[in-house]
Amino acid sequence: MKRFFTLEYWQDDSWFVGKLKEIPGVFSQGKTVEELKENIIDAYRMMLK
């Protein structure tokens, strides 16, 4: 089953920082929005384990 989440993100100096609105506690960062998206997926998967 494929799940969809809302990524809320903002820029903090040279980093993009984000969180999943529907999953409290899943945060990540990246130098680009694409890197942030990859990192937030990794953070979500680690939370599931």
Protein backbone atom coordinates (compact mmCIF):
# COMPACT_ATOMS: atom_id res chain seq x y z
CA MET A 1 0.00 0.00 0.00
CA LYS A 2 1.38 3.39 -1.01
CA ARG A 3 1.08 6.17 1.55
CA PHE A 4 1.20 9.90 0.92
CA PHE A 5 2.41 12.50 3.43
CA THR A 6 2.76 16.26 3.49
CA LEU A 7 6.34 17.53 3.65
CA GLU A 8 6.47 20.91 5.36
CA TYR A 9 9.85 22.56 4.89
CA TRP A 10 11.68 25.85 5.35
CA GLN A 11 15.14 27.24 4.71
CA ASP A 12 17.49 27.74 7.65
CA ASP A 13 20.65 29.48 6.43
CA SER A 14 21.93 27.21 3.64
CA TRP A 15 19.92 24.14 4.71
CA PHE A 16 16.39 23.03 3.88
CA VAL A 17 14.78 21.60 7.02
CA GLY A 18 11.54 19.65 6.94
CA LYS A 19 9.05 17.46 8.76
CA LEU A 20 6.19 15.17 7.86
CA LYS A 21 3.00 16.84 9.09
CA GLU A 22 1.14 13.57 9.62
CA ILE A 23 3.98 11.81 11.49
CA PRO A 24 5.21 13.70 14.59
CA GLY A 25 8.93 13.39 15.20
CA VAL A 26 10.06 12.73 11.61
CA PHE A 27 12.43 15.58 10.74
CA SER A 28 15.40 15.87 8.39
CA GLN A 29 17.50 18.34 6.42
CA GLY A 30 19.38 18.67 3.15
CA LYS A 31 21.40 21.12 1.09
CA THR A 32 18.70 21.00 -1.62
CA VAL A 33 14.97 20.23 -1.57
CA GLU A 34 15.67 16.98 -3.45
CA GLU A 35 18.24 15.92 -0.84
CA LEU A 36 15.76 16.81 1.91
CA LYS A 37 13.11 14.60 0.27
CA GLU A 38 15.55 11.65 0.11
CA ASN A 39 16.61 12.19 3.72
CA ILE A 40 13.05 12.49 5.04
CA ILE A 41 12.17 9.17 3.36
CA ASP A 42 15.18 7.59 5.10
CA ALA A 43 14.11 9.11 8.43
CA TYR A 44 10.58 7.74 8.00
CA ARG A 45 11.90 4.25 7.17
CA MET A 46 14.20 4.32 10.23
CA MET A 47 11.23 5.31 12.40
CA LEU A 48 9.28 2.28 11.13
CA LYS A 49 12.02 -0.15 12.21
